[in-house]
Each structure stands twice: as C-alpha cells, then as structure tokens.
Amino acid sequence: MRWQDHIERNPKVMLGKPVVKGTRITVELILERLGGGWNPDDLLKSYPHIRMEDIRAALLYASKSLSTDEVVFLEDSA
C-alpha cells in the first residue's frame, strides 16, 4: 500500500495538516481516536466517507513521518 494514494497535504485544507484525500479528516484525528481506544470499526461508523485503507494509510504515514523527523518529548502537563 502507498500512503500517498490516500493521504494529502494542502495548505488550503485544515491548514496543511495531512488529511485523507477528499476529506477534512486529519491523520491526527485518526491517531487520536485509535489511541483513545476506538477501533477501526468505530472510525468507519463515525466517519462513513473514509475506508479501512485510509486508516491503514494514516498509520503508515505517521510511521514514516516519525522515522524521518526529530523526536520531541513533550512534558506531561498534569
């Protein structure tokens, strides 16, 4: 699978954040939901205009991004 077939960055859409092509659903939102305990079926039910391939592409995009960027450790504000 090529994440490029599913994920795009456009400065005119969601301030240039990576989104599922043709939507305003950000990779960030997908990762937040999955990290918060949602499963892929929950995402598909809540956002019926995305597909399982889009979710997989978002995960692959995030993985590739982290492998090439500098890792910044955020402090826990709690």
N, C-alpha and C. Protein backbone atom coordinates (compact mmCIF):
# COMPACT_ATOMS: atom_id res chain seq x y z
N MET A 1 0.84 -1.19 0.00
CA MET A 1 0.00 0.00 0.00
C MET A 1 0.88 1.24 0.00
N ARG A 2 0.47 2.20 -0.78
CA ARG A 2 1.15 3.50 -0.80
C ARG A 2 0.28 4.51 -0.05
N TRP A 3 0.83 5.06 1.03
CA TRP A 3 0.04 6.04 1.78
C TRP A 3 -0.27 7.26 0.92
N GLN A 4 0.59 7.55 -0.06
CA GLN A 4 0.40 8.71 -0.93
C GLN A 4 -0.90 8.63 -1.74
N ASP A 5 -1.42 7.43 -1.92
CA ASP A 5 -2.68 7.27 -2.65
C ASP A 5 -3.88 7.67 -1.80
N HIS A 6 -3.68 7.84 -0.49
CA HIS A 6 -4.79 8.09 0.42
C HIS A 6 -4.67 9.36 1.25
N ILE A 7 -3.44 9.83 1.44
CA ILE A 7 -3.18 10.97 2.33
C ILE A 7 -2.59 12.11 1.51
N GLU A 8 -3.06 13.34 1.80
CA GLU A 8 -2.53 14.51 1.11
C GLU A 8 -2.34 15.66 2.08
N ARG A 9 -1.49 16.60 1.69
CA ARG A 9 -1.29 17.85 2.44
C ARG A 9 -1.54 18.99 1.47
N ASN A 10 -2.45 19.86 1.86
CA ASN A 10 -2.81 21.00 1.02
C ASN A 10 -2.95 22.20 1.96
N PRO A 11 -2.19 23.28 1.74
CA PRO A 11 -2.27 24.43 2.62
C PRO A 11 -3.67 25.03 2.73
N LYS A 12 -4.54 24.74 1.78
CA LYS A 12 -5.90 25.28 1.80
C LYS A 12 -6.88 24.37 2.54
N VAL A 13 -6.41 23.21 2.99
CA VAL A 13 -7.28 22.27 3.70
C VAL A 13 -6.68 22.00 5.08
N MET A 14 -7.42 22.31 6.13
CA MET A 14 -7.01 22.07 7.51
C MET A 14 -5.60 22.60 7.80
N LEU A 15 -5.31 23.79 7.27
CA LEU A 15 -4.04 24.48 7.49
C LEU A 15 -2.83 23.66 7.05
N GLY A 16 -3.03 22.76 6.09
CA GLY A 16 -1.92 21.98 5.57
C GLY A 16 -1.62 20.70 6.33
N LYS A 17 -2.44 20.38 7.33
CA LYS A 17 -2.23 19.12 8.04
C LYS A 17 -2.53 17.96 7.08
N PRO A 18 -1.87 16.83 7.27
CA PRO A 18 -2.18 15.69 6.41
C PRO A 18 -3.60 15.18 6.67
N VAL A 19 -4.35 14.98 5.59
CA VAL A 19 -5.74 14.53 5.67
C VAL A 19 -5.97 13.37 4.71
N VAL A 20 -7.05 12.64 4.95
CA VAL A 20 -7.49 11.64 3.99
C VAL A 20 -7.94 12.39 2.75
N LYS A 21 -7.46 12.00 1.60
CA LYS A 21 -7.78 12.70 0.35
C LYS A 21 -9.28 12.88 0.18
N GLY A 22 -9.65 14.09 -0.21
CA GLY A 22 -11.04 14.41 -0.47
C GLY A 22 -11.88 14.64 0.76
N THR A 23 -11.22 14.69 1.95
CA THR A 23 -11.95 14.91 3.20
C THR A 23 -11.23 15.97 4.02
N ARG A 24 -11.79 16.27 5.17
CA ARG A 24 -11.15 17.12 6.16
C ARG A 24 -10.80 16.30 7.39
N ILE A 25 -10.73 14.98 7.22
CA ILE A 25 -10.36 14.07 8.31
C ILE A 25 -8.84 13.99 8.37
N THR A 26 -8.27 14.50 9.47
CA THR A 26 -6.82 14.55 9.59
C THR A 26 -6.24 13.22 10.07
N VAL A 27 -5.00 12.99 9.71
CA VAL A 27 -4.27 11.85 10.25
C VAL A 27 -4.24 11.96 11.76
N GLU A 28 -4.06 13.16 12.25
CA GLU A 28 -4.03 13.41 13.69
C GLU A 28 -5.31 12.91 14.36
N LEU A 29 -6.47 13.21 13.80
CA LEU A 29 -7.73 12.77 14.38
C LEU A 29 -7.82 11.25 14.41
N ILE A 30 -7.41 10.61 13.33
CA ILE A 30 -7.45 9.15 13.27
C ILE A 30 -6.57 8.55 14.36
N LEU A 31 -5.36 9.08 14.51
CA LEU A 31 -4.44 8.58 15.53
C LEU A 31 -4.96 8.84 16.94
N GLU A 32 -5.53 10.02 17.17
CA GLU A 32 -6.09 10.33 18.49
C GLU A 32 -7.21 9.38 18.85
N ARG A 33 -8.09 9.11 17.90
CA ARG A 33 -9.21 8.21 18.17
C ARG A 33 -8.73 6.79 18.46
N LEU A 34 -7.81 6.29 17.64
CA LEU A 34 -7.30 4.94 17.86
C LEU A 34 -6.55 4.86 19.19
N GLY A 35 -5.75 5.88 19.48
CA GLY A 35 -5.02 5.91 20.75
C GLY A 35 -5.94 6.04 21.95
N GLY A 36 -7.11 6.63 21.73
CA GLY A 36 -8.08 6.80 22.81
C GLY A 36 -8.99 5.59 23.03
N GLY A 37 -8.74 4.53 22.27
CA GLY A 37 -9.49 3.31 22.50
C GLY A 37 -10.51 2.95 21.43
N TRP A 38 -10.70 3.83 20.46
CA TRP A 38 -11.60 3.48 19.36
C TRP A 38 -10.96 2.36 18.55
N ASN A 39 -11.79 1.53 17.94
CA ASN A 39 -11.26 0.56 17.00
C ASN A 39 -11.59 1.06 15.59
N PRO A 40 -10.99 0.46 14.57
CA PRO A 40 -11.25 0.94 13.20
C PRO A 40 -12.73 0.94 12.83
N ASP A 41 -13.49 -0.03 13.31
CA ASP A 41 -14.93 -0.04 13.01
C ASP A 41 -15.64 1.18 13.57
N ASP A 42 -15.21 1.64 14.76
CA ASP A 42 -15.79 2.86 15.33
C ASP A 42 -15.53 4.05 14.41
N LEU A 43 -14.32 4.14 13.89
CA LEU A 43 -13.97 5.23 12.97
C LEU A 43 -14.83 5.17 11.71
N LEU A 44 -14.96 3.97 11.16
CA LEU A 44 -15.72 3.82 9.92
C LEU A 44 -17.20 4.16 10.11
N LYS A 45 -17.74 3.85 11.29
CA LYS A 45 -19.14 4.18 11.57
C LYS A 45 -19.32 5.69 11.78
N SER A 46 -18.36 6.31 12.45
CA SER A 46 -18.46 7.74 12.75
C SER A 46 -18.11 8.61 11.55
N TYR A 47 -17.27 8.12 10.69
CA TYR A 47 -16.83 8.86 9.51
C TYR A 47 -17.02 7.96 8.28
N PRO A 48 -18.26 7.81 7.82
CA PRO A 48 -18.55 6.84 6.75
C PRO A 48 -17.91 7.16 5.40
N HIS A 49 -17.35 8.34 5.24
CA HIS A 49 -16.71 8.70 3.98
C HIS A 49 -15.24 8.27 3.92
N ILE A 50 -14.73 7.61 4.99
CA ILE A 50 -13.39 7.03 4.90
C ILE A 50 -13.52 5.52 4.85
N ARG A 51 -12.43 4.88 4.41
CA ARG A 51 -12.40 3.43 4.29
C ARG A 51 -11.26 2.86 5.13
N MET A 52 -11.28 1.56 5.31
CA MET A 52 -10.23 0.90 6.09
C MET A 52 -8.84 1.20 5.50
N GLU A 53 -8.74 1.28 4.19
CA GLU A 53 -7.46 1.58 3.55
C GLU A 53 -6.95 2.97 3.96
N ASP A 54 -7.88 3.90 4.17
CA ASP A 54 -7.49 5.25 4.61
C ASP A 54 -6.92 5.21 6.01
N ILE A 55 -7.50 4.40 6.88
CA ILE A 55 -7.00 4.27 8.25
C ILE A 55 -5.60 3.66 8.23
N ARG A 56 -5.42 2.61 7.45
CA ARG A 56 -4.10 1.98 7.34
C ARG A 56 -3.08 2.96 6.77
N ALA A 57 -3.49 3.74 5.78
CA ALA A 57 -2.59 4.73 5.18
C ALA A 57 -2.20 5.79 6.20
N ALA A 58 -3.14 6.21 7.05
CA ALA A 58 -2.83 7.20 8.09
C ALA A 58 -1.78 6.65 9.06
N LEU A 59 -1.91 5.38 9.43
CA LEU A 59 -0.93 4.76 10.32
C LEU A 59 0.44 4.66 9.64
N LEU A 60 0.44 4.29 8.39
CA LEU A 60 1.69 4.19 7.65
C LEU A 60 2.34 5.56 7.49
N TYR A 61 1.52 6.57 7.18
CA TYR A 61 2.03 7.95 7.07
C TYR A 61 2.69 8.38 8.38
N ALA A 62 2.01 8.13 9.50
CA ALA A 62 2.55 8.52 10.80
C ALA A 62 3.85 7.79 11.08
N SER A 63 3.91 6.52 10.76
CA SER A 63 5.12 5.73 10.97
C SER A 63 6.27 6.30 10.15
N LYS A 64 6.02 6.57 8.89
CA LYS A 64 7.07 7.12 8.02
C LYS A 64 7.51 8.50 8.49
N SER A 65 6.55 9.31 8.96
CA SER A 65 6.89 10.65 9.45
C SER A 65 7.79 10.57 10.67
N LEU A 66 7.48 9.67 11.58
CA LEU A 66 8.28 9.55 12.79
C LEU A 66 9.67 8.99 12.52
N SER A 67 9.79 8.22 11.46
CA SER A 67 11.10 7.62 11.17
C SER A 67 12.08 8.63 10.56
N THR A 68 11.57 9.76 10.09
CA THR A 68 12.45 10.73 9.44
C THR A 68 12.56 12.05 10.19
N ASP A 69 11.66 12.32 11.11
CA ASP A 69 11.65 13.60 11.83
C ASP A 69 12.38 13.47 13.16
N GLU A 70 12.76 14.62 13.67
CA GLU A 70 13.32 14.68 15.01
C GLU A 70 12.21 14.40 16.02
N VAL A 71 12.49 13.57 16.99
CA VAL A 71 11.51 13.25 18.01
C VAL A 71 11.60 14.30 19.11
N VAL A 72 10.46 14.88 19.46
CA VAL A 72 10.39 15.88 20.51
C VAL A 72 9.58 15.29 21.66
N PHE A 73 10.15 15.26 22.85
CA PHE A 73 9.46 14.73 24.01
C PHE A 73 8.68 15.87 24.66
N LEU A 74 7.37 15.68 24.79
CA LEU A 74 6.52 16.68 25.40
C LEU A 74 6.38 16.38 26.88
N GLU A 75 6.36 17.43 27.68
CA GLU A 75 6.18 17.24 29.10
C GLU A 75 4.72 17.02 29.40
N ASP A 76 4.45 16.19 30.37
CA ASP A 76 3.09 15.95 30.79
C ASP A 76 2.65 17.12 31.63
N SER A 77 1.56 17.79 31.21
CA SER A 77 1.12 19.00 31.89
C SER A 77 0.26 18.69 33.11
N ALA A 78 -0.02 17.43 33.37
CA ALA A 78 -0.88 17.08 34.51
C ALA A 78 -0.13 17.03 35.80
